[in-house]
C-alpha atoms as a PDB file:
ATOM      1  CA  UNK A   1     -17.958 -50.492  50.164  1.00  0.00           C
ATOM      2  CA  UNK A   2     -18.617 -51.521  46.548  1.00  0.00           C
ATOM      3  CA  UNK A   3     -16.956 -49.312  43.925  1.00  0.00           C
ATOM      4  CA  UNK A   4     -20.259 -48.373  42.274  1.00  0.00           C
ATOM      5  CA  UNK A   5     -21.535 -46.939  45.556  1.00  0.00           C
ATOM      6  CA  UNK A   6     -18.306 -44.953  46.029  1.00  0.00           C
ATOM      7  CA  UNK A   7     -18.663 -43.558  42.508  1.00  0.00           C
ATOM      8  CA  UNK A   8     -22.256 -42.498  43.119  1.00  0.00           C
ATOM      9  CA  UNK A   9     -21.343 -40.870  46.441  1.00  0.00           C
ATOM     10  CA  UNK A  10     -18.491 -38.973  44.765  1.00  0.00           C
ATOM     11  CA  UNK A  11     -20.868 -37.791  42.037  1.00  0.00           C
ATOM     12  CA  UNK A  12     -23.390 -36.699  44.673  1.00  0.00           C
ATOM     13  CA  UNK A  13     -20.722 -34.745  46.589  1.00  0.00           C
ATOM     14  CA  UNK A  14     -19.616 -33.032  43.351  1.00  0.00           C
ATOM     15  CA  UNK A  15     -23.234 -32.174  42.573  1.00  0.00           C
ATOM     16  CA  UNK A  16     -23.738 -30.616  46.016  1.00  0.00           C
ATOM     17  CA  UNK A  17     -20.461 -28.665  45.877  1.00  0.00           C
ATOM     18  CA  UNK A  18     -21.103 -27.214  42.422  1.00  0.00           C
ATOM     19  CA  UNK A  19     -24.742 -26.479  43.247  1.00  0.00           C
ATOM     20  CA  UNK A  20     -23.656 -24.379  46.217  1.00  0.00           C
ATOM     21  CA  UNK A  21     -20.728 -22.828  44.312  1.00  0.00           C
ATOM     22  CA  UNK A  22     -22.383 -22.047  40.965  1.00  0.00           C
ATOM     23  CA  UNK A  23     -26.035 -22.023  41.920  1.00  0.00           C
ATOM     24  CA  UNK A  24     -25.753 -19.930  45.081  1.00  0.00           C
ATOM     25  CA  UNK A  25     -22.380 -18.312  45.788  1.00  0.00           C
ATOM     26  CA  UNK A  26     -21.598 -17.204  42.223  1.00  0.00           C
ATOM     27  CA  UNK A  27     -25.006 -15.533  41.605  1.00  0.00           C
ATOM     28  CA  UNK A  28     -24.752 -13.805  44.997  1.00  0.00           C
ATOM     29  CA  UNK A  29     -21.249 -12.572  44.156  1.00  0.00           C
ATOM     30  CA  UNK A  30     -22.427 -11.203  40.787  1.00  0.00           C
ATOM     31  CA  UNK A  31     -25.395  -9.510  42.480  1.00  0.00           C
ATOM     32  CA  UNK A  32     -23.093  -7.984  45.114  1.00  0.00           C
ATOM     33  CA  UNK A  33     -20.748  -6.602  42.432  1.00  0.00           C
ATOM     34  CA  UNK A  34     -23.789  -5.111  40.707  1.00  0.00           C
ATOM     35  CA  UNK A  35     -24.564  -3.140  43.876  1.00  0.00           C
ATOM     36  CA  UNK A  36     -21.144  -1.431  43.882  1.00  0.00           C
ATOM     37  CA  UNK A  37     -21.450   2.358  43.438  1.00  0.00           C
ATOM     38  CA  UNK A  38     -20.792   3.203  39.804  1.00  0.00           C
ATOM     39  CA  UNK A  39     -22.091  -0.165  38.602  1.00  0.00           C
ATOM     40  CA  UNK A  40     -25.516  -0.194  40.253  1.00  0.00           C
ATOM     41  CA  UNK A  41     -27.157   1.999  37.602  1.00  0.00           C
ATOM     42  CA  UNK A  42     -25.947  -0.220  34.752  1.00  0.00           C
ATOM     43  CA  UNK A  43     -26.943  -3.379  36.598  1.00  0.00           C
ATOM     44  CA  UNK A  44     -30.456  -1.960  37.011  1.00  0.00           C
ATOM     45  CA  UNK A  45     -30.704  -1.278  33.283  1.00  0.00           C
ATOM     46  CA  UNK A  46     -29.706   2.409  33.246  1.00  0.00           C
ATOM     47  CA  UNK A  47     -33.379   3.339  33.027  1.00  0.00           C
ATOM     48  CA  UNK A  48     -34.077   6.957  32.115  1.00  0.00           C
ATOM     49  CA  UNK A  49     -37.050   8.901  33.453  1.00  0.00           C
ATOM     50  CA  UNK A  50     -38.653  12.179  32.516  1.00  0.00           C
ATOM     51  CA  UNK A  51     -41.873  13.709  33.753  1.00  0.00           C
ATOM     52  CA  UNK A  52     -42.209  10.928  36.319  1.00  0.00           C
ATOM     53  CA  UNK A  53     -42.278   8.098  33.771  1.00  0.00           C
ATOM     54  CA  UNK A  54     -39.669   5.721  32.396  1.00  0.00           C
ATOM     55  CA  UNK A  55     -38.919   6.479  28.741  1.00  0.00           C
ATOM     56  CA  UNK A  56     -36.169   3.986  27.965  1.00  0.00           C
ATOM     57  CA  UNK A  57     -32.733   2.697  28.808  1.00  0.00           C
ATOM     58  CA  UNK A  58     -29.477   4.502  28.280  1.00  0.00           C
ATOM     59  CA  UNK A  59     -27.959   1.154  27.236  1.00  0.00           C
ATOM     60  CA  UNK A  60     -30.451   0.279  24.475  1.00  0.00           C
ATOM     61  CA  UNK A  61     -31.182   2.507  21.512  1.00  0.00           C
ATOM     62  CA  UNK A  62     -34.664   3.342  20.305  1.00  0.00           C
ATOM     63  CA  UNK A  63     -36.372   5.086  17.418  1.00  0.00           C
ATOM     64  CA  UNK A  64     -37.691   8.642  17.570  1.00  0.00           C
ATOM     65  CA  UNK A  65     -40.363   8.465  14.902  1.00  0.00           C
ATOM     66  CA  UNK A  66     -44.096   9.035  14.647  1.00  0.00           C
ATOM     67  CA  UNK A  67     -46.703   6.303  14.247  1.00  0.00           C
ATOM     68  CA  UNK A  68     -46.151   6.451  10.494  1.00  0.00           C
ATOM     69  CA  UNK A  69     -42.446   5.759  10.941  1.00  0.00           C
ATOM     70  CA  UNK A  70     -41.445   9.259   9.829  1.00  0.00           C
ATOM     71  CA  UNK A  71     -38.649  10.815  11.934  1.00  0.00           C
ATOM     72  CA  UNK A  72     -39.818  13.421  14.437  1.00  0.00           C
ATOM     73  CA  UNK A  73     -38.036  16.616  13.416  1.00  0.00           C
ATOM     74  CA  UNK A  74     -37.799  17.924  16.988  1.00  0.00           C
ATOM     75  CA  UNK A  75     -35.640  14.993  18.101  1.00  0.00           C
ATOM     76  CA  UNK A  76     -32.174  13.726  17.283  1.00  0.00           C
ATOM     77  CA  UNK A  77     -32.400  10.484  15.344  1.00  0.00           C
ATOM     78  CA  UNK A  78     -30.656   7.226  16.218  1.00  0.00           C
ATOM     79  CA  UNK A  79     -28.636   5.172  13.770  1.00  0.00           C
ATOM     80  CA  UNK A  80     -30.437   2.457  11.773  1.00  0.00           C
ATOM     81  CA  UNK A  81     -31.157  -0.873  13.461  1.00  0.00           C
ATOM     82  CA  UNK A  82     -31.335  -4.408  12.061  1.00  0.00           C
ATOM     83  CA  UNK A  83     -32.723  -5.865  15.315  1.00  0.00           C
ATOM     84  CA  UNK A  84     -36.171  -7.204  14.451  1.00  0.00           C
ATOM     85  CA  UNK A  85     -38.310  -4.363  13.144  1.00  0.00           C
ATOM     86  CA  UNK A  86     -35.804  -1.934  14.647  1.00  0.00           C
ATOM     87  CA  UNK A  87     -34.306  -1.721  18.136  1.00  0.00           C
ATOM     88  CA  UNK A  88     -36.039  -4.897  19.287  1.00  0.00           C
ATOM     89  CA  UNK A  89     -34.075  -6.054  22.384  1.00  0.00           C
ATOM     90  CA  UNK A  90     -35.450  -9.590  21.950  1.00  0.00           C
ATOM     91  CA  UNK A  91     -33.942  -9.837  18.455  1.00  0.00           C
ATOM     92  CA  UNK A  92     -30.501  -8.285  18.817  1.00  0.00           C
ATOM     93  CA  UNK A  93     -28.652  -8.903  15.560  1.00  0.00           C
ATOM     94  CA  UNK A  94     -26.863  -7.405  12.603  1.00  0.00           C
ATOM     95  CA  UNK A  95     -28.092  -7.682   9.015  1.00  0.00           C
ATOM     96  CA  UNK A  96     -25.279 -10.168   8.234  1.00  0.00           C
ATOM     97  CA  UNK A  97     -24.860  -8.510   4.836  1.00  0.00           C
ATOM     98  CA  UNK A  98     -21.295  -7.866   3.694  1.00  0.00           C
ATOM     99  CA  UNK A  99     -19.540  -5.557   1.224  1.00  0.00           C
ATOM    100  CA  UNK A 100     -20.295  -7.901  -1.679  1.00  0.00           C
ATOM    101  CA  UNK A 101     -24.051  -7.457  -1.150  1.00  0.00           C
ATOM    102  CA  UNK A 102     -24.672  -5.021  -4.026  1.00  0.00           C
ATOM    103  CA  UNK A 103     -27.498  -6.578  -6.081  1.00  0.00           C
ATOM    104  CA  UNK A 104     -31.153  -6.355  -5.007  1.00  0.00           C
ATOM    105  CA  UNK A 105     -33.836  -9.009  -5.383  1.00  0.00           C
ATOM    106  CA  UNK A 106     -36.490  -7.026  -7.203  1.00  0.00           C
ATOM    107  CA  UNK A 107     -40.163  -7.210  -6.173  1.00  0.00           C
ATOM    108  CA  UNK A 108     -42.920  -8.640  -8.354  1.00  0.00           C
ATOM    109  CA  UNK A 109     -44.578  -5.603 -10.015  1.00  0.00           C
ATOM    110  CA  UNK A 110     -47.967  -7.367  -9.989  1.00  0.00           C
ATOM    111  CA  UNK A 111     -47.871  -7.630  -6.203  1.00  0.00           C
ATOM    112  CA  UNK A 112     -46.740  -4.022  -5.854  1.00  0.00           C
ATOM    113  CA  UNK A 113     -49.569  -2.848  -8.156  1.00  0.00           C
ATOM    114  CA  UNK A 114     -52.023  -4.763  -5.976  1.00  0.00           C
ATOM    115  CA  UNK A 115     -50.738  -2.989  -2.881  1.00  0.00           C
ATOM    116  CA  UNK A 116     -49.074  -6.123  -1.518  1.00  0.00           C
ATOM    117  CA  UNK A 117     -45.530  -6.786  -0.358  1.00  0.00           C
ATOM    118  CA  UNK A 118     -43.283  -9.292  -2.095  1.00  0.00           C
ATOM    119  CA  UNK A 119     -41.779 -11.430   0.675  1.00  0.00           C
ATOM    120  CA  UNK A 120     -39.126 -12.738  -1.719  1.00  0.00           C
ATOM    121  CA  UNK A 121     -37.784  -9.286  -2.561  1.00  0.00           C
ATOM    122  CA  UNK A 122     -34.870  -7.845  -0.600  1.00  0.00           C
ATOM    123  CA  UNK A 123     -32.467  -4.948  -0.723  1.00  0.00           C
ATOM    124  CA  UNK A 124     -28.729  -5.373  -0.881  1.00  0.00           C
ATOM    125  CA  UNK A 125     -26.571  -3.722   1.769  1.00  0.00           C
ATOM    126  CA  UNK A 126     -25.474  -1.176  -0.837  1.00  0.00           C
ATOM    127  CA  UNK A 127     -29.043  -0.148  -1.647  1.00  0.00           C
ATOM    128  CA  UNK A 128     -29.916   0.060   2.061  1.00  0.00           C
ATOM    129  CA  UNK A 129     -26.983   2.435   2.568  1.00  0.00           C
ATOM    130  CA  UNK A 130     -27.920   4.497  -0.491  1.00  0.00           C
ATOM    131  CA  UNK A 131     -31.579   4.741   0.504  1.00  0.00           C
ATOM    132  CA  UNK A 132     -30.717   5.774   4.060  1.00  0.00           C
ATOM    133  CA  UNK A 133     -28.184   8.347   2.862  1.00  0.00           C
ATOM    134  CA  UNK A 134     -30.720   9.907   0.487  1.00  0.00           C
ATOM    135  CA  UNK A 135     -33.391  10.025   3.216  1.00  0.00           C
ATOM    136  CA  UNK A 136     -30.980  11.510   5.789  1.00  0.00           C
ATOM    137  CA  UNK A 137     -29.806  14.119   3.303  1.00  0.00           C
ATOM    138  CA  UNK A 138     -33.395  15.186   2.586  1.00  0.00           C
ATOM    139  CA  UNK A 139     -34.220  15.320   6.301  1.00  0.00           C
ATOM    140  CA  UNK A 140     -31.165  17.391   7.215  1.00  0.00           C
ATOM    141  CA  UNK A 141     -31.102  19.594   4.133  1.00  0.00           C
ATOM    142  CA  UNK A 142     -27.722  18.381   2.849  1.00  0.00           C
ATOM    143  CA  UNK A 143     -26.578  16.276  -0.071  1.00  0.00           C
ATOM    144  CA  UNK A 144     -27.217  12.580   0.457  1.00  0.00           C
ATOM    145  CA  UNK A 145     -24.905  11.689  -2.435  1.00  0.00           C
ATOM    146  CA  UNK A 146     -22.661   8.721  -1.801  1.00  0.00           C
ATOM    147  CA  UNK A 147     -20.158   6.752  -3.915  1.00  0.00           C
ATOM    148  CA  UNK A 148     -21.744   3.835  -5.796  1.00  0.00           C
ATOM    149  CA  UNK A 149     -25.261   5.201  -5.234  1.00  0.00           C
ATOM    150  CA  UNK A 150     -27.742   6.449  -7.815  1.00  0.00           C
ATOM    151  CA  UNK A 151     -29.556   9.786  -7.347  1.00  0.00           C
ATOM    152  CA  UNK A 152     -32.680   7.717  -6.725  1.00  0.00           C
ATOM    153  CA  UNK A 153     -31.137   6.058  -3.677  1.00  0.00           C
ATOM    154  CA  UNK A 154     -30.260   2.545  -4.868  1.00  0.00           C
ATOM    155  CA  UNK A 155     -26.963   0.834  -5.585  1.00  0.00           C
ATOM    156  CA  UNK A 156     -25.390   1.991  -8.856  1.00  0.00           C
ATOM    157  CA  UNK A 157     -24.576  -1.465 -10.201  1.00  0.00           C
ATOM    158  CA  UNK A 158     -24.495  -2.678 -13.819  1.00  0.00           C
ATOM    159  CA  UNK A 159     -24.571  -6.114 -15.415  1.00  0.00           C
ATOM    160  CA  UNK A 160     -22.360  -5.896 -18.485  1.00  0.00           C
ATOM    161  CA  UNK A 161     -22.717  -8.538 -21.198  1.00  0.00           C
ATOM    162  CA  UNK A 162     -20.272  -9.297 -23.971  1.00  0.00           C
ATOM    163  CA  UNK A 163     -17.058 -11.202 -24.747  1.00  0.00           C
ATOM    164  CA  UNK A 164     -14.643 -11.257 -21.811  1.00  0.00           C
ATOM    165  CA  UNK A 165     -10.983 -10.311 -22.115  1.00  0.00           C
ATOM    166  CA  UNK A 166      -8.140 -12.261 -20.502  1.00  0.00           C
ATOM    167  CA  UNK A 167      -8.467 -10.244 -17.275  1.00  0.00           C
ATOM    168  CA  UNK A 168     -12.236 -10.826 -17.077  1.00  0.00           C
ATOM    169  CA  UNK A 169     -13.264  -7.360 -18.276  1.00  0.00           C
ATOM    170  CA  UNK A 170     -15.807  -6.709 -21.033  1.00  0.00           C
ATOM    171  CA  UNK A 171     -14.091  -4.210 -23.360  1.00  0.00           C
ATOM    172  CA  UNK A 172     -16.881  -4.209 -25.959  1.00  0.00           C
ATOM    173  CA  UNK A 173     -20.281  -4.641 -24.266  1.00  0.00           C
ATOM    174  CA  UNK A 174     -23.269  -5.878 -26.230  1.00  0.00           C
ATOM    175  CA  UNK A 175     -25.844  -5.194 -23.520  1.00  0.00           C
ATOM    176  CA  UNK A 176     -25.842  -3.308 -20.191  1.00  0.00           C
ATOM    177  CA  UNK A 177     -28.444  -3.574 -17.403  1.00  0.00           C
ATOM    178  CA  UNK A 178     -28.853  -1.378 -14.304  1.00  0.00           C
ATOM    179  CA  UNK A 179     -29.493  -4.208 -11.845  1.00  0.00           C
ATOM    180  CA  UNK A 180     -31.137  -2.260  -9.022  1.00  0.00           C
ATOM    181  CA  UNK A 181     -33.379  -0.008 -11.122  1.00  0.00           C
ATOM    182  CA  UNK A 182     -36.555  -1.829 -12.081  1.00  0.00           C
ATOM    183  CA  UNK A 183     -38.384  -1.431 -15.349  1.00  0.00           C
ATOM    184  CA  UNK A 184     -41.595   0.490 -14.826  1.00  0.00           C
ATOM    185  CA  UNK A 185     -40.311   2.024 -11.582  1.00  0.00           C
ATOM    186  CA  UNK A 186     -37.636   4.392 -12.918  1.00  0.00           C
ATOM    187  CA  UNK A 187     -38.095   6.702 -15.863  1.00  0.00           C
ATOM    188  CA  UNK A 188     -34.549   6.121 -16.989  1.00  0.00           C
ATOM    189  CA  UNK A 189     -31.446   4.398 -15.568  1.00  0.00           C
ATOM    190  CA  UNK A 190     -28.970   6.486 -13.597  1.00  0.00           C
ATOM    191  CA  UNK A 191     -26.628   6.594 -16.622  1.00  0.00           C
ATOM    192  CA  UNK A 192     -27.693   6.672 -20.239  1.00  0.00           C
ATOM    193  CA  UNK A 193     -24.833   4.704 -21.755  1.00  0.00           C
ATOM    194  CA  UNK A 194     -21.870   2.575 -20.692  1.00  0.00           C
ATOM    195  CA  UNK A 195     -18.983   2.330 -23.152  1.00  0.00           C
ATOM    196  CA  UNK A 196     -21.316   3.524 -25.863  1.00  0.00           C
ATOM    197  CA  UNK A 197     -24.048   0.956 -25.121  1.00  0.00           C
ATOM    198  CA  UNK A 198     -27.489   2.133 -23.855  1.00  0.00           C
ATOM    199  CA  UNK A 199     -28.182   1.144 -20.247  1.00  0.00           C
ATOM    200  CA  UNK A 200     -31.495  -0.670 -19.674  1.00  0.00           C
ATOM    201  CA  UNK A 201     -33.449  -0.986 -16.415  1.00  0.00           C
ATOM    202  CA  UNK A 202     -33.742  -4.476 -14.936  1.00  0.00           C
ATOM    203  CA  UNK A 203     -36.833  -6.531 -15.685  1.00  0.00           C
ATOM    204  CA  UNK A 204     -38.432  -8.655 -12.988  1.00  0.00           C
ATOM    205  CA  UNK A 205     -37.808 -12.375 -13.420  1.00  0.00           C
ATOM    206  CA  UNK A 206     -34.889 -11.969 -15.837  1.00  0.00           C
ATOM    207  CA  UNK A 207     -31.646 -13.799 -15.067  1.00  0.00           C
ATOM    208  CA  UNK A 208     -28.651 -11.499 -15.378  1.00  0.00           C
ATOM    209  CA  UNK A 209     -26.217 -13.903 -13.738  1.00  0.00           C
ATOM    210  CA  UNK A 210     -24.024 -14.224 -16.834  1.00  0.00           C
ATOM    211  CA  UNK A 211     -23.260 -10.524 -16.910  1.00  0.00           C
ATOM    212  CA  UNK A 212     -20.210  -8.937 -15.320  1.00  0.00           C
ATOM    213  CA  UNK A 213     -21.297  -7.060 -12.173  1.00  0.00           C
ATOM    214  CA  UNK A 214     -19.813  -3.556 -12.311  1.00  0.00           C
ATOM    215  CA  UNK A 215     -20.428  -1.074  -9.437  1.00  0.00           C
ATOM    216  CA  UNK A 216     -20.213   2.528 -10.678  1.00  0.00           C
ATOM    217  CA  UNK A 217     -18.656   5.002  -8.275  1.00  0.00           C
ATOM    218  CA  UNK A 218     -20.118   8.145  -9.794  1.00  0.00           C
ATOM    219  CA  UNK A 219     -19.014  11.680  -8.904  1.00  0.00           C
ATOM    220  CA  UNK A 220     -20.100  11.759  -5.256  1.00  0.00           C
ATOM    221  CA  UNK A 221     -17.528  13.170  -2.798  1.00  0.00           C
ATOM    222  CA  UNK A 222     -15.146  10.766  -1.096  1.00  0.00           C
ATOM    223  CA  UNK A 223     -16.364  12.072   2.271  1.00  0.00           C
ATOM    224  CA  UNK A 224     -20.169  12.281   2.075  1.00  0.00           C
ATOM    225  CA  UNK A 225     -22.085  14.874   4.083  1.00  0.00           C
ATOM    226  CA  UNK A 226     -24.059  12.067   5.773  1.00  0.00           C
ATOM    227  CA  UNK A 227     -21.804  10.142   8.226  1.00  0.00           C
ATOM    228  CA  UNK A 228     -21.392   6.377   8.037  1.00  0.00           C
ATOM    229  CA  UNK A 229     -23.294   5.650  11.261  1.00  0.00           C
ATOM    230  CA  UNK A 230     -26.365   7.378   9.817  1.00  0.00           C
ATOM    231  CA  UNK A 231     -26.597   4.752   7.074  1.00  0.00           C
ATOM    232  CA  UNK A 232     -25.345   1.540   8.717  1.00  0.00           C
ATOM    233  CA  UNK A 233     -26.683  -0.517  11.625  1.00  0.00           C
ATOM    234  CA  UNK A 234     -24.495  -1.567  14.545  1.00  0.00           C
ATOM    235  CA  UNK A 235     -23.519  -5.189  15.175  1.00  0.00           C
ATOM    236  CA  UNK A 236     -26.071  -5.553  17.966  1.00  0.00           C
ATOM    237  CA  UNK A 237     -28.756  -3.431  16.346  1.00  0.00           C
ATOM    238  CA  UNK A 238     -29.222  -1.804  19.770  1.00  0.00           C
ATOM    239  CA  UNK A 239     -26.499   0.860  19.798  1.00  0.00           C
ATOM    240  CA  UNK A 240     -27.762   3.788  21.939  1.00  0.00           C
ATOM    241  CA  UNK A 241     -25.159   6.236  20.649  1.00  0.00           C
ATOM    242  CA  UNK A 242     -24.414   8.139  17.465  1.00  0.00           C
ATOM    243  CA  UNK A 243     -21.190   9.776  16.386  1.00  0.00           C
ATOM    244  CA  UNK A 244     -20.528  13.390  17.255  1.00  0.00           C
ATOM    245  CA  UNK A 245     -20.499  14.117  13.507  1.00  0.00           C
ATOM    246  CA  UNK A 246     -24.004  12.699  13.040  1.00  0.00           C
ATOM    247  CA  UNK A 247     -25.261  14.657  16.059  1.00  0.00           C
ATOM    248  CA  UNK A 248     -23.817  17.901  14.651  1.00  0.00           C
ATOM    249  CA  UNK A 249     -25.477  17.205  11.297  1.00  0.00           C
ATOM    250  CA  UNK A 250     -28.880  17.199  13.012  1.00  0.00           C
ATOM    251  CA  UNK A 251     -28.416  20.397  15.018  1.00  0.00           C
ATOM    252  CA  UNK A 252     -29.972  22.830  12.518  1.00  0.00           C
ATOM    253  CA  UNK A 253     -33.110  20.721  11.993  1.00  0.00           C
ATOM    254  CA  UNK A 254     -33.709  20.266  15.717  1.00  0.00           C
ATOM    255  CA  UNK A 255     -33.060  23.954  16.371  1.00  0.00           C
ATOM    256  CA  UNK A 256     -35.591  25.008  13.700  1.00  0.00           C
ATOM    257  CA  UNK A 257     -38.230  22.598  15.021  1.00  0.00           C
ATOM    258  CA  UNK A 258     -37.852  23.903  18.575  1.00  0.00           C
ATOM    259  CA  UNK A 259     -37.396  27.576  17.675  1.00  0.00           C
ATOM    260  CA  UNK A 260     -33.982  27.745  19.346  1.00  0.00           C
ATOM    261  CA  UNK A 261     -30.726  29.254  18.009  1.00  0.00           C
ATOM    262  CA  UNK A 262     -28.510  26.447  16.644  1.00  0.00           C
ATOM    263  CA  UNK A 263     -25.622  27.571  18.843  1.00  0.00           C
ATOM    264  CA  UNK A 264     -27.567  26.627  21.977  1.00  0.00           C
ATOM    265  CA  UNK A 265     -28.303  23.152  20.606  1.00  0.00           C
ATOM    266  CA  UNK A 266     -24.652  22.773  19.635  1.00  0.00           C
ATOM    267  CA  UNK A 267     -23.562  23.561  23.193  1.00  0.00           C
ATOM    268  CA  UNK A 268     -25.979  20.949  24.521  1.00  0.00           C
ATOM    269  CA  UNK A 269     -24.629  18.335  22.096  1.00  0.00           C
ATOM    270  CA  UNK A 270     -21.086  19.150  23.207  1.00  0.00           C
ATOM    271  CA  UNK A 271     -22.110  18.818  26.854  1.00  0.00           C
ATOM    272  CA  UNK A 272     -23.680  15.402  26.241  1.00  0.00           C
ATOM    273  CA  UNK A 273     -20.750  14.145  24.156  1.00  0.00           C
ATOM    274  CA  UNK A 274     -18.788  11.226  25.607  1.00  0.00           C
ATOM    275  CA  UNK A 275     -15.084  10.930  24.939  1.00  0.00           C
ATOM    276  CA  UNK A 276     -13.252   7.899  23.594  1.00  0.00           C
ATOM    277  CA  UNK A 277     -13.555   4.743  25.695  1.00  0.00           C
ATOM    278  CA  UNK A 278     -10.609   4.595  28.129  1.00  0.00           C
ATOM    279  CA  UNK A 279      -9.350   7.733  26.410  1.00  0.00           C
ATOM    280  CA  UNK A 280      -8.159   6.046  23.214  1.00  0.00           C
ATOM    281  CA  UNK A 281     -10.715   3.527  21.876  1.00  0.00           C
ATOM    282  CA  UNK A 282     -13.347   4.427  19.315  1.00  0.00           C
ATOM    283  CA  UNK A 283     -14.652   7.885  18.529  1.00  0.00           C
ATOM    284  CA  UNK A 284     -16.507  10.499  20.614  1.00  0.00           C
ATOM    285  CA  UNK A 285     -20.219   9.657  20.742  1.00  0.00           C
ATOM    286  CA  UNK A 286     -23.534  11.000  22.001  1.00  0.00           C
ATOM    287  CA  UNK A 287     -26.245   9.007  23.777  1.00  0.00           C
ATOM    288  CA  UNK A 288     -29.376   9.857  21.766  1.00  0.00           C
ATOM    289  CA  UNK A 289     -31.934   9.161  24.512  1.00  0.00           C
ATOM    290  CA  UNK A 290     -30.112  11.266  27.097  1.00  0.00           C
ATOM    291  CA  UNK A 291     -29.641  14.074  24.578  1.00  0.00           C
ATOM    292  CA  UNK A 292     -33.329  14.104  23.660  1.00  0.00           C
ATOM    293  CA  UNK A 293     -34.371  14.083  27.332  1.00  0.00           C
ATOM    294  CA  UNK A 294     -32.113  17.084  27.943  1.00  0.00           C
ATOM    295  CA  UNK A 295     -33.677  18.777  24.920  1.00  0.00           C
ATOM    296  CA  UNK A 296     -37.184  18.386  26.305  1.00  0.00           C
ATOM    297  CA  UNK A 297     -36.092  19.719  29.681  1.00  0.00           C
ATOM    298  CA  UNK A 298     -34.232  22.769  28.382  1.00  0.00           C
ATOM    299  CA  UNK A 299     -36.055  23.589  25.140  1.00  0.00           C
ATOM    300  CA  UNK A 300     -39.595  22.136  25.255  1.00  0.00           C
ATOM    301  CA  UNK A 301     -41.195  21.474  21.879  1.00  0.00           C
ATOM    302  CA  UNK A 302     -44.233  23.696  21.372  1.00  0.00           C
ATOM    303  CA  UNK A 303     -45.643  21.786  18.399  1.00  0.00           C
END
């Protein structure tokens, strides 16, 4: 038999073997494992039902907001999401912004005045964290203050101009700009002076790249009242859980909205709390969807 025929027959046999192995036996084996008690629910999507209808999956987070995007006070809120427009399972992703993302791209004031959105504008990770912390603090009735954040909820970052010293510092500034506070938007920058020089708000279109970028810590506590998972998105953008600390922060608001003593809501949170994975990994967490379903069953919202 010619060698080229033998080679083609060998390739055909390999194709048939791997088709049966990987195209039939392997999928059947995976399906069979997914039917094992304890795994079946996860394999089916861990769908949650209430009132005879499916309301979500215990594996994928979701928002609990009204049509206007405002958080519903009667429900526990999930952590922020960077997946699409928020908790989009078809766009699972993180923001890909790192700790050096501290300077915003300011919007064109002409577009804002016309009621339009500037597609070229963007918030730094720092400003996103500050804005979320301020909003969460207002919602929960606690201080949203955070290190390196202004009271207005943007990153407290300066551009300092002047002769540089040998170590790169600017000991005698000639001009100081608050990079994330836009002229015409804020009445006054978050600090009046820096090393004796008046601080100016940033002006759209100006290039401040030659200035020394200086984040200002401020006097916020080292451990803010608003937990970290309330102001940062998860790596997948689909995290269904929040920390026990963030759940406890929301207890009083939910209790007031539902007309229930906070102690009863606290006990429910404790009941729904999951321990560390395998007993030692991560921190205790609470599945927000399951907690909110339990809320509706035990303490219906009267509106």
